Amino acid sequence: MQQTAVYKFPIQFRDVHYIAALYTSNQDAVTEKLKGTGLKPALNFMGSPLTAVGLIQYKDSDLGAYNELIIAIPVVPENAKHKLSNWLDLYSPLDKREIGQFIIHIPVTTQRSVDAGREIWGYPKIVLPIAHEFGKKKLHTQVMSAPGQTTLIEINGSNGWGVPIPSMDLMTYSMLNDEMLKTFVDVDANMKWMPFSNLSITIHDKDDEMCKDIVALNICNKKPVFTIEATRFKANFFEGRKIH
């Protein structure tokens, strides 16, 4: 019988290159992904809900070094009032915040990260090869299949120059053992808003479940509406709190 690992909280991520881009997405597909969760979309742009895509390179952390891709929907509980100030809620104190990320796909490059993510928070982590090239003039991410090493997803483009913004703490909603958890993430980062980001997502395997969702969400082959980047990102992930 495999013994469950013991984790010390908060779990620390000490040196991270973090990029998060928000794309307009299909209302029906977002609704379908949130069905039965008790959550609803939190952020809209020009009448469309937004989907977040994270490109993350962990260089030093309690879980080791690894690469990650996140596809998540910014959400609030269904009983929360919909308001334009949801954007401002991203800077609310964590104990008062309603908006968080509901992760629908999160491939990573190490089994250690998968085990921790699934055991602690119920994140739907899987192991896949992921290559990040974060250059000043060019960004390229490639997610490959396992086995086979064929390309599933590519993200190409650049971020251009950035405008410094205050560091933004994070929060996630996730399901662990059929219970909803809210997890606080204390962030210290040199965040910048990248107004000229043109990161474009291309899928290469229409039969892959993650690629199917990307197509259904309608986030392929378009520019993000909002992108942030931090080259010196630090974060403390706390144990999830059950929502009653």
Protein backbone atom coordinates (compact mmCIF):
# COMPACT_ATOMS: atom_id res chain seq x y z
CA MET A 1 0.00 0.00 0.00
CA GLN A 2 1.42 3.38 -1.03
CA GLN A 3 1.87 5.81 1.85
CA THR A 4 0.42 9.29 1.42
CA ALA A 5 3.06 12.02 1.59
CA VAL A 6 3.10 14.44 4.50
CA TYR A 7 3.15 18.10 3.46
CA LYS A 8 4.19 21.14 5.49
CA PHE A 9 2.15 24.29 4.95
CA PRO A 10 2.43 26.71 3.41
CA ILE A 11 4.01 25.02 0.41
CA GLN A 12 6.56 27.49 -0.90
CA PHE A 13 7.38 28.42 -4.48
CA ARG A 14 10.52 30.54 -4.31
CA ASP A 15 11.56 31.23 -7.92
CA VAL A 16 8.91 31.16 -10.63
CA HIS A 17 8.41 32.66 -14.08
CA TYR A 18 4.67 33.26 -14.33
CA ILE A 19 2.52 34.30 -17.29
CA ALA A 20 -1.28 34.42 -17.19
CA ALA A 21 -3.45 35.41 -20.16
CA LEU A 22 -7.23 35.90 -20.29
CA TYR A 23 -9.17 35.06 -23.46
CA THR A 24 -12.80 35.66 -24.42
CA SER A 25 -14.58 32.33 -24.53
CA ASN A 26 -17.81 30.58 -25.46
CA GLN A 27 -20.63 31.02 -22.92
CA ASP A 28 -22.17 27.55 -23.46
CA ALA A 29 -18.83 25.77 -23.09
CA VAL A 30 -17.98 27.67 -19.90
CA THR A 31 -21.42 26.87 -18.46
CA GLU A 32 -20.95 23.18 -19.27
CA LYS A 33 -17.54 23.03 -17.56
CA LEU A 34 -18.99 24.61 -14.39
CA LYS A 35 -22.11 22.44 -14.28
CA GLY A 36 -22.68 20.98 -10.81
CA THR A 37 -19.86 22.95 -9.15
CA GLY A 38 -21.97 25.70 -7.56
CA LEU A 39 -19.78 28.24 -9.36
CA LYS A 40 -20.40 30.73 -12.17
CA PRO A 41 -18.16 32.85 -14.44
CA ALA A 42 -16.76 35.92 -12.69
CA LEU A 43 -15.09 37.98 -15.40
CA ASN A 44 -16.58 39.14 -18.69
CA PHE A 45 -15.29 41.21 -21.59
CA MET A 46 -17.62 42.62 -24.26
CA GLY A 47 -20.34 40.20 -23.14
CA SER A 48 -18.19 37.04 -23.19
CA PRO A 49 -16.90 35.09 -20.17
CA LEU A 50 -13.13 34.84 -19.84
CA THR A 51 -10.89 31.78 -19.62
CA ALA A 52 -7.41 32.01 -18.10
CA VAL A 53 -4.34 30.26 -19.48
CA GLY A 54 -1.25 30.07 -17.30
CA LEU A 55 2.28 29.33 -18.54
CA ILE A 56 4.43 28.64 -15.52
CA GLN A 57 8.06 27.64 -14.98
CA TYR A 58 8.86 26.60 -11.40
CA LYS A 59 12.60 26.87 -10.90
CA ASP A 60 12.75 26.39 -7.12
CA SER A 61 9.92 25.13 -4.90
CA ASP A 62 9.05 22.68 -2.14
CA LEU A 63 7.80 20.42 -4.94
CA GLY A 64 10.98 20.73 -7.00
CA ALA A 65 11.49 22.24 -10.44
CA TYR A 66 8.90 21.65 -13.17
CA ASN A 67 6.86 23.25 -15.95
CA GLU A 68 3.10 23.71 -15.96
CA LEU A 69 0.20 24.79 -18.17
CA ILE A 70 -3.09 25.84 -16.56
CA ILE A 71 -6.48 26.28 -18.19
CA ALA A 72 -8.92 27.77 -15.67
CA ILE A 73 -12.16 29.70 -15.48
CA PRO A 74 -12.31 32.76 -13.17
CA VAL A 75 -15.38 32.10 -11.01
CA VAL A 76 -17.46 33.19 -8.03
CA PRO A 77 -20.05 31.18 -6.06
CA GLU A 78 -23.46 30.98 -7.76
CA ASN A 79 -25.07 33.01 -4.99
CA ALA A 80 -22.61 35.91 -5.41
CA LYS A 81 -23.99 39.10 -6.92
CA HIS A 82 -22.66 39.78 -10.40
CA LYS A 83 -20.97 43.15 -10.50
CA LEU A 84 -18.46 45.12 -12.55
CA SER A 85 -16.28 45.38 -9.44
CA ASN A 86 -15.33 41.70 -9.83
CA TRP A 87 -12.17 42.99 -11.50
CA LEU A 88 -11.37 45.02 -8.38
CA ASP A 89 -12.06 41.92 -6.26
CA LEU A 90 -8.79 40.50 -7.64
CA TYR A 91 -7.09 42.87 -5.19
CA SER A 92 -9.39 42.23 -2.23
CA PRO A 93 -7.92 40.69 0.95
CA LEU A 94 -7.98 36.91 0.60
CA ASP A 95 -10.32 36.40 3.56
CA LYS A 96 -12.92 38.65 1.85
CA ARG A 97 -12.41 37.63 -1.74
CA GLU A 98 -15.01 35.78 -3.79
CA ILE A 99 -13.32 35.51 -7.18
CA GLY A 100 -11.01 32.56 -7.73
CA GLN A 101 -9.79 30.17 -10.43
CA PHE A 102 -11.50 26.86 -11.15
CA ILE A 103 -8.90 24.75 -12.94
CA ILE A 104 -10.17 22.43 -15.68
CA HIS A 105 -6.80 21.25 -17.06
CA ILE A 106 -3.34 21.37 -15.50
CA PRO A 107 -0.62 19.27 -17.11
CA VAL A 108 2.77 19.37 -15.36
CA THR A 109 6.12 17.74 -16.02
CA THR A 110 6.69 15.78 -12.77
CA GLN A 111 4.81 13.08 -10.89
CA ARG A 112 5.71 14.76 -7.61
CA SER A 113 3.69 17.82 -8.59
CA VAL A 114 0.78 15.63 -9.75
CA ASP A 115 0.68 13.75 -6.44
CA ALA A 116 0.74 16.91 -4.32
CA GLY A 117 -1.83 18.72 -6.44
CA ARG A 118 -4.28 15.83 -6.40
CA GLU A 119 -3.80 14.81 -2.76
CA ILE A 120 -3.88 18.30 -1.20
CA TRP A 121 -6.29 20.27 -3.38
CA GLY A 122 -7.91 17.90 -5.87
CA TYR A 123 -6.40 19.74 -8.84
CA PRO A 124 -6.81 17.65 -12.05
CA LYS A 125 -3.06 17.36 -12.65
CA ILE A 126 -1.55 14.97 -15.18
CA VAL A 127 2.04 14.42 -16.36
CA LEU A 128 2.87 15.59 -19.87
CA PRO A 129 6.07 16.91 -21.48
CA ILE A 130 5.95 20.73 -21.54
CA ALA A 131 8.63 23.02 -22.96
CA HIS A 132 8.63 26.76 -22.20
CA GLU A 133 10.79 29.29 -24.03
CA PHE A 134 10.27 32.66 -22.36
CA GLY A 135 12.33 35.12 -24.40
CA LYS A 136 12.05 38.90 -24.36
CA LYS A 137 10.97 39.06 -27.99
CA LYS A 138 9.45 35.60 -28.45
CA LEU A 139 7.45 33.21 -26.29
CA HIS A 140 6.87 29.58 -27.19
CA THR A 141 5.20 26.81 -25.20
CA GLN A 142 4.78 23.28 -26.48
CA VAL A 143 2.74 20.56 -24.77
CA MET A 144 3.39 17.05 -26.04
CA SER A 145 1.60 13.74 -25.74
CA ALA A 146 2.82 10.90 -23.57
CA PRO A 147 3.72 8.43 -24.90
CA GLY A 148 4.59 9.39 -28.44
CA GLN A 149 5.96 12.90 -27.98
CA THR A 150 3.64 14.29 -30.65
CA THR A 151 2.61 17.92 -30.22
CA LEU A 152 -0.80 18.55 -28.63
CA ILE A 153 -0.74 22.31 -28.06
CA GLU A 154 1.49 25.21 -29.03
CA ILE A 155 1.36 28.78 -27.76
CA ASN A 156 3.33 31.36 -29.71
CA GLY A 157 3.78 35.11 -29.69
CA SER A 158 5.33 37.79 -27.53
CA ASN A 159 4.39 39.98 -24.60
CA GLY A 160 6.20 43.19 -25.54
CA TRP A 161 6.84 45.80 -22.87
CA GLY A 162 4.96 45.86 -19.58
CA VAL A 163 3.42 48.31 -17.14
CA PRO A 164 4.21 47.56 -13.47
CA ILE A 165 1.13 46.71 -11.38
CA PRO A 166 0.75 45.74 -7.71
CA SER A 167 1.38 42.10 -6.87
CA MET A 168 -1.88 40.13 -6.98
CA ASP A 169 -2.67 37.30 -4.55
CA LEU A 170 -4.50 34.29 -5.96
CA MET A 171 -7.30 31.99 -4.90
CA THR A 172 -8.56 28.70 -6.31
CA TYR A 173 -11.72 26.64 -6.02
CA SER A 174 -11.34 22.89 -6.41
CA MET A 175 -13.07 19.60 -5.61
CA LEU A 176 -11.41 17.14 -3.21
CA ASN A 177 -13.30 13.99 -2.20
CA ASP A 178 -16.57 15.53 -3.44
CA GLU A 179 -16.10 18.63 -1.27
CA MET A 180 -15.39 22.12 -2.56
CA LEU A 181 -12.18 23.71 -1.29
CA LYS A 182 -11.11 27.34 -1.33
CA THR A 183 -7.32 27.77 -1.33
CA PHE A 184 -5.46 30.99 -0.59
CA VAL A 185 -2.19 31.78 -2.37
CA ASP A 186 -0.04 34.57 -0.92
CA VAL A 187 1.95 36.10 -3.80
CA ASP A 188 5.01 38.36 -3.89
CA ALA A 189 5.90 39.20 -7.48
CA ASN A 190 7.17 41.88 -9.86
CA MET A 191 3.95 41.78 -11.87
CA LYS A 192 3.51 43.66 -15.11
CA TRP A 193 0.47 44.19 -17.30
CA MET A 194 1.44 43.39 -20.89
CA PRO A 195 -0.91 45.53 -23.07
CA PHE A 196 0.54 44.33 -26.39
CA SER A 197 0.61 40.60 -25.64
CA ASN A 198 -0.31 38.51 -28.69
CA LEU A 199 -0.04 34.95 -27.35
CA SER A 200 -1.98 32.63 -29.68
CA ILE A 201 -3.00 29.04 -28.92
CA THR A 202 -2.86 26.36 -31.62
CA ILE A 203 -4.11 22.80 -31.12
CA HIS A 204 -2.69 19.83 -33.04
CA ASP A 205 -4.80 16.88 -31.85
CA LYS A 206 -8.57 17.25 -32.17
CA ASP A 207 -9.12 13.93 -30.36
CA ASP A 208 -7.30 14.92 -27.16
CA GLU A 209 -9.70 15.90 -24.34
CA MET A 210 -7.78 19.04 -23.39
CA CYS A 211 -7.65 20.14 -27.04
CA LYS A 212 -11.38 19.48 -27.40
CA ASP A 213 -12.07 21.81 -24.48
CA ILE A 214 -9.79 24.51 -25.90
CA VAL A 215 -11.72 24.36 -29.18
CA ALA A 216 -15.11 24.33 -27.43
CA LEU A 217 -14.12 27.30 -25.27
CA ASN A 218 -13.14 29.16 -28.46
CA ILE A 219 -9.79 30.36 -27.15
CA CYS A 220 -7.70 29.23 -30.17
CA ASN A 221 -6.02 31.53 -32.65
CA LYS A 222 -6.84 34.82 -30.93
CA LYS A 223 -5.07 37.44 -28.84
CA PRO A 224 -5.66 37.62 -25.10
CA VAL A 225 -7.58 40.59 -23.75
CA PHE A 226 -5.43 40.83 -20.63
CA THR A 227 -1.99 39.38 -19.82
CA ILE A 228 0.27 39.64 -16.79
CA GLU A 229 3.84 38.41 -16.39
CA ALA A 230 6.20 38.09 -13.44
CA THR A 231 9.79 36.92 -13.87
CA ARG A 232 10.44 36.85 -10.10
CA PHE A 233 7.27 35.30 -8.73
CA LYS A 234 7.12 33.88 -5.19
CA ALA A 235 4.07 32.24 -3.63
CA ASN A 236 2.90 30.41 -0.53
CA PHE A 237 0.11 27.88 -1.13
CA PHE A 238 -1.98 27.16 1.95
CA GLU A 239 -4.08 24.13 2.77
CA GLY A 240 -7.55 24.28 1.25
CA ARG A 241 -10.55 25.29 3.36
CA LYS A 242 -13.79 23.38 3.01
CA ILE A 243 -16.76 25.44 1.86
CA HIS A 244 -19.88 24.45 3.78
